[in-house]
Amino acid sequence: MFYGIIFISIMYLIFKYVLAWIAYVNKLDSRLGDSTWRWTYDYQVVGERDFSDLDDKDFVRLRRKKNRLVTIMYSIFLIMFISFMSLLSKFLIIVLN
């Protein structure tokens, strides 16, 4: 149980680090928006032409970097949730016995 608490604490610190990176990338270009929990999608918008790698390489690469960071953030969040549920079940087993 002690190692579970240490693991969740380390994962939380990594989670906060990734959130700081997402906030930093959002500030680099105003077109990315301020959302932390949302991907920036690469699909065509009806009536408008989406940016491609040929039009604006810097923006498209920054958008892909943000998408990778958001995917990492969701992965860490899922790992933390599963670890917390495991820790909670161990705690309940100790308390209820």
Protein backbone atom coordinates (compact mmCIF):
# COMPACT_ATOMS: atom_id res chain seq x y z
CA MET A 1 0.00 0.00 0.00
CA PHE A 2 2.93 2.31 0.72
CA TYR A 3 4.32 1.77 -2.79
CA GLY A 4 0.89 2.52 -4.27
CA ILE A 5 0.82 5.91 -2.56
CA ILE A 6 4.35 6.66 -3.77
CA PHE A 7 3.41 5.59 -7.32
CA ILE A 8 0.29 7.77 -7.39
CA SER A 9 2.28 10.73 -6.03
CA ILE A 10 4.92 10.35 -8.74
CA MET A 11 2.27 9.99 -11.42
CA TYR A 12 0.55 13.14 -10.13
CA LEU A 13 3.80 15.10 -10.43
CA ILE A 14 4.28 13.81 -13.99
CA PHE A 15 0.65 14.73 -14.71
CA LYS A 16 1.21 18.30 -13.51
CA TYR A 17 4.38 18.51 -15.62
CA VAL A 18 2.49 17.47 -18.76
CA LEU A 19 -0.27 20.00 -17.96
CA ALA A 20 2.37 22.71 -17.73
CA TRP A 21 3.68 21.69 -21.16
CA ILE A 22 0.17 21.85 -22.62
CA ALA A 23 -0.32 25.34 -21.19
CA TYR A 24 3.05 26.39 -22.64
CA VAL A 25 2.21 25.04 -26.11
CA ASN A 26 -1.21 26.76 -25.98
CA LYS A 27 0.51 30.11 -25.37
CA LEU A 28 2.79 29.71 -28.40
CA ASP A 29 -0.04 30.22 -30.90
CA SER A 30 -3.44 31.81 -30.23
CA ARG A 31 -5.11 29.56 -32.83
CA LEU A 32 -4.71 26.53 -30.56
CA GLY A 33 -7.10 27.91 -27.95
CA ASP A 34 -6.88 27.61 -24.19
CA SER A 35 -8.30 24.11 -23.78
CA THR A 36 -6.26 21.60 -21.82
CA TRP A 37 -8.52 18.57 -22.14
CA ARG A 38 -9.35 18.78 -25.85
CA TRP A 39 -7.46 17.63 -28.92
CA THR A 40 -7.02 19.98 -31.86
CA TYR A 41 -8.54 18.04 -34.71
CA ASP A 42 -7.09 17.67 -38.19
CA TYR A 43 -10.36 17.25 -40.11
CA GLN A 44 -11.79 19.52 -42.77
CA VAL A 45 -14.17 22.20 -41.54
CA VAL A 46 -17.30 22.63 -43.69
CA GLY A 47 -16.96 25.75 -45.81
CA GLU A 48 -13.39 26.46 -44.74
CA ARG A 49 -10.07 25.03 -45.76
CA ASP A 50 -8.09 23.44 -42.95
CA PHE A 51 -4.40 24.14 -42.52
CA SER A 52 -2.14 21.55 -44.06
CA ASP A 53 1.55 20.97 -43.61
CA LEU A 54 2.18 22.89 -46.84
CA ASP A 55 0.27 25.99 -45.74
CA ASP A 56 1.64 26.55 -42.25
CA LYS A 57 4.26 24.00 -41.17
CA ASP A 58 4.98 25.58 -37.80
CA PHE A 59 1.33 25.68 -36.74
CA VAL A 60 0.57 22.14 -37.94
CA ARG A 61 3.60 20.73 -36.14
CA LEU A 62 2.70 22.64 -32.99
CA ARG A 63 -0.86 21.30 -33.23
CA ARG A 64 0.44 17.74 -33.58
CA LYS A 65 2.73 18.27 -30.60
CA LYS A 66 -0.23 19.43 -28.54
CA ASN A 67 -2.24 16.38 -29.63
CA ARG A 68 0.59 14.11 -28.48
CA LEU A 69 0.76 15.90 -25.13
CA VAL A 70 -3.00 15.59 -24.62
CA THR A 71 -2.80 11.87 -25.44
CA ILE A 72 0.00 11.44 -22.87
CA MET A 73 -2.05 13.38 -20.33
CA TYR A 74 -5.09 11.12 -20.84
CA SER A 75 -2.88 8.03 -20.56
CA ILE A 76 -1.41 9.21 -17.28
CA PHE A 77 -4.88 10.07 -16.00
CA LEU A 78 -6.12 6.56 -16.85
CA ILE A 79 -3.11 4.93 -15.16
CA MET A 80 -3.65 7.10 -12.07
CA PHE A 81 -7.35 6.19 -11.95
CA ILE A 82 -6.65 2.45 -12.18
CA SER A 83 -3.89 2.73 -9.56
CA PHE A 84 -6.16 4.70 -7.24
CA MET A 85 -8.93 2.12 -7.56
CA SER A 86 -6.41 -0.63 -6.74
CA LEU A 87 -5.15 1.33 -3.74
CA LEU A 88 -8.70 2.00 -2.58
CA SER A 89 -9.63 -1.68 -2.82
CA LYS A 90 -6.54 -2.66 -0.79
CA PHE A 91 -7.46 -0.04 1.81
CA LEU A 92 -11.04 -1.33 2.01
CA ILE A 93 -9.82 -4.92 2.41
CA ILE A 94 -7.66 -3.83 5.36
CA VAL A 95 -10.44 -1.76 6.95
CA LEU A 96 -13.20 -4.35 6.52
CA ASN A 97 -11.19 -7.31 7.79
